[in-house]
Amino acid sequence: MSLSPGFNGWKDRGGKFSIPRILTPEQKRRYHRHILMPEVGEAGQMKMLDSSVLLLGAGGLGSPAALYLAAAGVGRIGIVDFDVVDTSNLQRQILHNEARVGELKVESAKQTLQGINPDIEVEAHPVRLASSNVMDLFKDYDVIVDGCDNFPTRYLTNDASVLLDKPVVHGSIFRFEGQVSVFWPGHGPCYRCLYVQPPPPELAPSCAEAGVLGVLPGIIGSIQALEAIKVILGIGDPLVGKLLTFDALEMSFRTLKLRRDPECPACGEGNQIELVDYDEYCIAPNMKSKDADKGLHSRAEEALGA
């Protein structure tokens, strides 16, 4: 096809063309501090706007992670949570406020995030994560941020992410301590490489809150948001094959190396994963004790070779 009539003639004759995407003037103002950094720039910001993150939980960890991912310009944020806002949540779950007590957490979170950044899309999933829906929920997102508070969801999340090749930014908190890691299939170990099976009830933290310092999830959730952004942009050194631990009382961080288990039932060579709901491992609040957390910590030290 001749180009002699110029671009308009080419277009009128059905010639193929594409218009380069650029940030709008408003986006350039909003993300100016990102654009200044060579590791991000306009191309990186565009990449974030084209990316998607699914947050598991709109609670203590999900709140700061969601706020910073929304402010950073992650274009599509999904939130999975079937709970409603309770007054007891407000000590740490900063997505919500007094006026929204009784509302679905996902709807409260959506309202907050859209108020921070109308540039993004927020998808509310007011459902309980289960083996029947996890694959459909995960498949359309680039990164999973795990802010759940129970072992059944953690193991289900791990197995689904292995099947779908999705990176999971894991976070957990307990009283004054927190942990963060990135479990990325094909790049490093998965959660089952550390804990093959859910721990027995006497060693498992309760599904109900056992107590946590309100500011702690803000620290851990912010680190999770940072790790998710690093994965999206392909920059820095994400916590793949590493476990970052934080002690708020000592104000100390420690990084432990994680080893991939070649015989892992989830990511091991040739192993077949069957998605299972591990609800029987969710124990009553009165079964939780101080010794349970110590037992989990010692098991982690042993598994990590620390």
Protein backbone atom coordinates (compact mmCIF):
# COMPACT_ATOMS: atom_id res chain seq x y z
CA MET A 1 0.00 0.00 0.00
CA SER A 2 1.42 3.36 -1.03
CA LEU A 3 2.31 5.97 1.59
CA SER A 4 2.18 8.83 -0.90
CA PRO A 5 -1.16 10.23 0.36
CA GLY A 6 0.40 10.60 3.80
CA PHE A 7 -0.77 9.26 7.15
CA ASN A 8 -4.42 10.28 6.72
CA GLY A 9 -4.56 8.56 3.36
CA TRP A 10 -2.92 5.45 4.84
CA LYS A 11 -5.50 5.42 7.66
CA ASP A 12 -8.42 6.05 5.28
CA ARG A 13 -7.34 3.09 3.15
CA GLY A 14 -7.37 0.76 6.16
CA GLY A 15 -3.65 0.75 6.84
CA LYS A 16 -2.65 -0.52 10.28
CA PHE A 17 -1.32 1.97 12.81
CA SER A 18 -0.97 2.41 16.55
CA ILE A 19 -0.98 5.48 18.76
CA PRO A 20 1.69 5.44 21.49
CA ARG A 21 0.15 5.66 24.96
CA ILE A 22 1.34 8.54 27.07
CA LEU A 23 0.53 9.84 30.51
CA THR A 24 -2.04 12.59 30.65
CA PRO A 25 -1.00 15.99 32.08
CA GLU A 26 -2.93 15.14 35.28
CA GLN A 27 -1.14 11.78 35.57
CA LYS A 28 2.22 13.46 35.07
CA ARG A 29 1.42 15.76 37.97
CA ARG A 30 0.12 12.98 40.21
CA TYR A 31 3.05 10.62 39.60
CA HIS A 32 5.75 13.25 39.19
CA ARG A 33 7.91 11.90 42.04
CA HIS A 34 7.86 8.44 40.45
CA ILE A 35 8.68 9.81 37.01
CA LEU A 36 11.76 11.56 38.40
CA MET A 37 13.31 8.22 39.35
CA PRO A 38 15.16 6.47 36.50
CA GLU A 39 14.10 3.08 37.92
CA VAL A 40 10.46 4.03 37.30
CA GLY A 41 10.09 6.92 34.83
CA GLU A 42 7.08 7.33 32.57
CA ALA A 43 7.47 3.81 31.17
CA GLY A 44 7.42 2.28 34.65
CA GLN A 45 4.45 4.36 35.72
CA MET A 46 2.58 3.26 32.63
CA LYS A 47 3.46 -0.32 33.53
CA MET A 48 1.94 0.16 36.98
CA LEU A 49 -1.21 1.67 35.51
CA ASP A 50 -1.49 -1.42 33.28
CA SER A 51 -0.91 -3.84 36.17
CA SER A 52 -3.31 -5.55 38.55
CA VAL A 53 -3.03 -6.71 42.17
CA LEU A 54 -5.42 -8.88 44.15
CA LEU A 55 -5.46 -8.23 47.89
CA LEU A 56 -6.57 -11.05 50.15
CA GLY A 57 -8.17 -9.25 53.05
CA ALA A 58 -9.16 -5.65 53.73
CA GLY A 59 -7.92 -5.82 57.30
CA GLY A 60 -4.74 -4.92 59.13
CA LEU A 61 -2.28 -5.88 56.38
CA GLY A 62 -4.57 -5.22 53.44
CA SER A 63 -5.29 -1.66 54.58
CA PRO A 64 -1.79 -0.12 54.25
CA ALA A 65 -0.95 -2.30 51.25
CA ALA A 66 -4.09 -1.18 49.42
CA LEU A 67 -3.58 2.49 50.28
CA TYR A 68 -0.03 2.60 48.95
CA LEU A 69 -0.74 0.51 45.86
CA ALA A 70 -3.66 2.78 45.01
CA ALA A 71 -1.64 5.93 45.58
CA ALA A 72 1.22 4.50 43.49
CA GLY A 73 -1.11 4.06 40.52
CA VAL A 74 -1.59 0.30 40.27
CA GLY A 75 -4.32 0.38 37.67
CA ARG A 76 -6.60 -2.38 38.90
CA ILE A 77 -6.89 -3.49 42.52
CA GLY A 78 -9.11 -6.37 43.57
CA ILE A 79 -10.05 -7.00 47.20
CA VAL A 80 -11.32 -10.30 48.57
CA ASP A 81 -13.05 -10.14 51.96
CA PHE A 82 -16.48 -11.33 53.14
CA ASP A 83 -16.37 -9.65 56.56
CA VAL A 84 -18.01 -6.41 57.73
CA VAL A 85 -16.39 -3.47 59.50
CA ASP A 86 -16.44 -3.76 63.28
CA THR A 87 -15.44 -1.19 65.88
CA SER A 88 -12.65 -3.50 67.04
CA ASN A 89 -11.09 -3.27 63.56
CA LEU A 90 -10.50 0.47 63.71
CA GLN A 91 -7.44 0.17 65.97
CA ARG A 92 -5.40 -1.01 62.95
CA GLN A 93 -7.52 -1.33 59.79
CA ILE A 94 -7.04 2.17 58.43
CA LEU A 95 -9.11 1.66 55.28
CA HIS A 96 -12.25 2.00 57.40
CA ASN A 97 -13.81 4.51 59.78
CA GLU A 98 -16.49 4.81 62.44
CA ALA A 99 -19.18 5.78 59.95
CA ARG A 100 -18.77 2.50 58.05
CA VAL A 101 -19.19 0.09 60.95
CA GLY A 102 -21.48 -2.69 59.75
CA GLU A 103 -20.65 -2.19 56.05
CA LEU A 104 -18.87 -4.79 53.95
CA LYS A 105 -15.13 -4.25 54.22
CA VAL A 106 -14.67 -4.49 50.46
CA GLU A 107 -17.17 -1.70 49.87
CA SER A 108 -15.62 0.48 52.56
CA ALA A 109 -12.18 -0.17 51.08
CA LYS A 110 -13.35 0.64 47.56
CA GLN A 111 -14.76 3.97 48.69
CA THR A 112 -11.50 4.90 50.44
CA LEU A 113 -9.23 3.88 47.56
CA GLN A 114 -11.26 5.66 44.91
CA GLY A 115 -11.17 8.77 47.07
CA ILE A 116 -7.37 8.59 47.11
CA ASN A 117 -6.93 7.92 43.40
CA PRO A 118 -9.83 8.11 40.93
CA ASP A 119 -7.32 7.08 38.24
CA ILE A 120 -7.59 3.41 39.23
CA GLU A 121 -10.22 0.66 39.11
CA VAL A 122 -11.17 -1.08 42.35
CA GLU A 123 -12.95 -4.44 42.20
CA ALA A 124 -14.78 -5.68 45.29
CA HIS A 125 -15.08 -9.43 45.84
CA PRO A 126 -17.30 -9.93 48.94
CA VAL A 127 -16.71 -13.67 49.08
CA ARG A 128 -14.87 -16.18 51.19
CA LEU A 129 -11.80 -17.53 49.36
CA ALA A 130 -12.34 -21.25 48.75
CA SER A 131 -11.15 -24.04 46.48
CA SER A 132 -14.28 -23.50 44.38
CA ASN A 133 -13.48 -19.88 43.47
CA VAL A 134 -9.77 -19.32 44.01
CA MET A 135 -8.69 -20.08 40.45
CA ASP A 136 -11.25 -17.74 38.91
CA LEU A 137 -10.32 -14.97 41.34
CA PHE A 138 -6.54 -15.30 40.86
CA LYS A 139 -6.30 -15.81 37.11
CA ASP A 140 -6.95 -12.22 36.03
CA TYR A 141 -4.44 -10.53 38.38
CA ASP A 142 -0.67 -10.11 38.02
CA VAL A 143 0.30 -10.22 41.71
CA ILE A 144 -1.42 -11.62 44.81
CA VAL A 145 -0.89 -9.80 48.12
CA ASP A 146 -1.67 -12.14 50.99
CA GLY A 147 -3.02 -10.27 53.98
CA CYS A 148 -5.06 -13.16 55.38
CA ASP A 149 -5.00 -14.18 59.03
CA ASN A 150 -5.43 -17.97 58.92
CA PHE A 151 -3.64 -21.08 57.72
CA PRO A 152 -6.44 -22.52 55.53
CA THR A 153 -6.33 -19.46 53.27
CA ARG A 154 -2.53 -19.36 53.20
CA TYR A 155 -2.24 -22.95 51.97
CA LEU A 156 -5.02 -22.54 49.44
CA THR A 157 -3.39 -19.33 48.19
CA ASN A 158 -0.04 -21.06 47.83
CA ASP A 159 -1.40 -24.03 45.89
CA ALA A 160 -3.48 -21.91 43.52
CA SER A 161 -0.55 -19.56 42.87
CA VAL A 162 1.69 -22.52 41.96
CA LEU A 163 -0.91 -23.81 39.53
CA LEU A 164 -1.29 -20.37 37.94
CA ASP A 165 2.35 -19.18 38.17
CA LYS A 166 1.33 -16.12 40.19
CA PRO A 167 3.73 -14.34 42.58
CA VAL A 168 2.39 -14.05 46.12
CA VAL A 169 3.59 -11.33 48.48
CA HIS A 170 3.10 -12.98 51.84
CA GLY A 171 2.74 -11.11 55.12
CA SER A 172 1.90 -12.24 58.63
CA ILE A 173 1.74 -10.53 62.03
CA PHE A 174 1.39 -11.56 65.64
CA ARG A 175 1.44 -9.23 68.62
CA PHE A 176 4.80 -7.41 68.12
CA GLU A 177 6.28 -9.53 65.31
CA GLY A 178 5.84 -9.63 61.55
CA GLN A 179 7.12 -11.49 58.51
CA VAL A 180 7.24 -10.82 54.77
CA SER A 181 8.31 -12.99 51.85
CA VAL A 182 7.63 -13.32 48.13
CA PHE A 183 6.65 -16.80 46.99
CA TRP A 184 7.05 -16.81 43.21
CA PRO A 185 6.64 -20.13 41.37
CA GLY A 186 9.63 -20.90 39.17
CA HIS A 187 11.76 -18.23 40.82
CA GLY A 188 12.11 -19.57 44.34
CA PRO A 189 10.51 -21.68 47.08
CA CYS A 190 6.81 -21.69 47.82
CA TYR A 191 5.06 -21.55 51.19
CA ARG A 192 4.92 -25.35 51.38
CA CYS A 193 8.68 -25.54 51.02
CA LEU A 194 8.76 -23.96 54.47
CA TYR A 195 5.67 -25.65 55.96
CA VAL A 196 4.72 -28.81 54.05
CA GLN A 197 1.36 -29.16 55.79
CA PRO A 198 -0.70 -26.92 58.07
CA PRO A 199 0.52 -27.22 61.68
CA PRO A 200 -1.53 -29.14 64.23
CA PRO A 201 -4.14 -27.11 66.10
CA GLU A 202 -2.07 -26.86 69.29
CA LEU A 203 0.67 -25.01 67.37
CA ALA A 204 -1.51 -22.90 65.09
CA PRO A 205 -2.45 -19.29 65.83
CA SER A 206 -6.16 -18.87 66.22
CA CYS A 207 -8.28 -17.65 63.35
CA ALA A 208 -9.51 -15.00 65.78
CA GLU A 209 -7.19 -12.12 66.74
CA ALA A 210 -4.73 -13.11 69.48
CA GLY A 211 -3.66 -9.51 69.95
CA VAL A 212 -1.54 -7.25 67.77
CA LEU A 213 -0.02 -3.80 68.20
CA GLY A 214 -2.05 -1.51 65.94
CA VAL A 215 0.91 0.05 64.15
CA LEU A 216 2.57 -3.31 63.32
CA PRO A 217 0.37 -4.18 60.30
CA GLY A 218 1.06 -0.70 58.95
CA ILE A 219 4.77 -1.53 58.81
CA ILE A 220 4.39 -5.04 57.38
CA GLY A 221 1.62 -4.10 54.94
CA SER A 222 3.69 -1.20 53.60
CA ILE A 223 6.58 -3.58 52.96
CA GLN A 224 4.19 -5.88 51.12
CA ALA A 225 3.11 -2.98 48.89
CA LEU A 226 6.77 -2.19 48.18
CA GLU A 227 7.51 -5.81 47.25
CA ALA A 228 4.48 -5.93 44.94
CA ILE A 229 5.65 -2.80 43.13
CA LYS A 230 9.16 -4.23 42.76
CA VAL A 231 7.70 -7.38 41.20
CA ILE A 232 5.50 -5.35 38.84
CA LEU A 233 8.35 -3.10 37.68
CA GLY A 234 11.03 -5.79 37.69
CA ILE A 235 13.36 -3.67 39.82
CA GLY A 236 15.50 -4.27 42.87
CA ASP A 237 15.80 -7.55 44.72
CA PRO A 238 12.38 -8.84 45.83
CA LEU A 239 12.15 -11.12 48.86
CA VAL A 240 12.14 -14.27 46.72
CA GLY A 241 13.82 -17.08 48.62
CA LYS A 242 14.06 -14.86 51.68
CA LEU A 243 11.99 -14.27 54.80
CA LEU A 244 12.14 -10.82 56.35
CA THR A 245 11.26 -10.85 60.05
CA PHE A 246 10.56 -7.79 62.18
CA ASP A 247 10.50 -7.43 65.96
CA ALA A 248 8.81 -4.19 66.99
CA LEU A 249 9.94 -4.37 70.62
CA GLU A 250 13.61 -4.68 69.65
CA MET A 251 13.12 -2.59 66.48
CA SER A 252 15.14 -5.18 64.58
CA PHE A 253 14.92 -6.73 61.13
CA ARG A 254 16.39 -10.08 60.19
CA THR A 255 16.54 -11.72 56.76
CA LEU A 256 16.59 -15.51 56.58
CA LYS A 257 17.28 -17.49 53.42
CA LEU A 258 14.64 -19.95 52.29
CA ARG A 259 15.52 -23.11 50.41
CA ARG A 260 13.34 -24.67 47.74
CA ASP A 261 12.38 -28.23 48.60
CA PRO A 262 12.77 -30.45 45.50
CA GLU A 263 10.22 -32.82 47.04
CA CYS A 264 7.71 -30.09 47.90
CA PRO A 265 4.16 -31.41 47.44
CA ALA A 266 3.19 -28.17 45.68
CA CYS A 267 6.13 -26.98 43.57
CA GLY A 268 8.25 -30.16 43.52
CA GLU A 269 9.06 -31.82 40.21
CA GLY A 270 6.13 -33.83 38.88
CA ASN A 271 3.87 -33.32 41.89
CA GLN A 272 0.15 -32.92 41.34
CA ILE A 273 -1.68 -30.27 43.38
CA GLU A 274 -5.24 -30.80 44.54
CA LEU A 275 -6.94 -27.69 45.89
CA VAL A 276 -8.26 -28.36 49.39
CA ASP A 277 -10.10 -26.25 51.97
CA TYR A 278 -8.20 -26.68 55.24
CA ASP A 279 -10.96 -25.45 57.53
CA GLU A 280 -10.37 -28.17 60.08
CA TYR A 281 -7.13 -26.42 61.00
CA CYS A 282 -8.98 -23.27 62.07
CA ILE A 283 -9.16 -23.50 65.84
CA ALA A 284 -11.14 -21.77 68.53
CA PRO A 285 -9.73 -18.61 70.15
CA ASN A 286 -9.35 -20.20 73.60
CA MET A 287 -6.87 -22.76 72.22
CA LYS A 288 -4.29 -20.09 71.46
CA SER A 289 -1.38 -19.63 73.86
CA LYS A 290 1.94 -17.85 74.01
CA ASP A 291 3.72 -21.15 73.47
CA ALA A 292 1.96 -21.66 70.13
CA ASP A 293 3.72 -18.72 68.51
CA LYS A 294 7.04 -19.82 69.98
CA GLY A 295 6.49 -23.28 68.54
CA LEU A 296 5.83 -21.90 65.06
CA HIS A 297 8.88 -19.66 65.28
CA SER A 298 11.16 -22.52 66.28
CA ARG A 299 9.80 -24.66 63.44
CA ALA A 300 10.54 -21.84 61.02
CA GLU A 301 14.09 -21.53 62.34
CA GLU A 302 14.61 -25.25 61.82
CA ALA A 303 13.11 -25.28 58.32
CA LEU A 304 15.14 -22.24 57.31
CA GLY A 305 18.37 -23.75 58.54
CA ALA A 306 18.92 -20.76 60.83
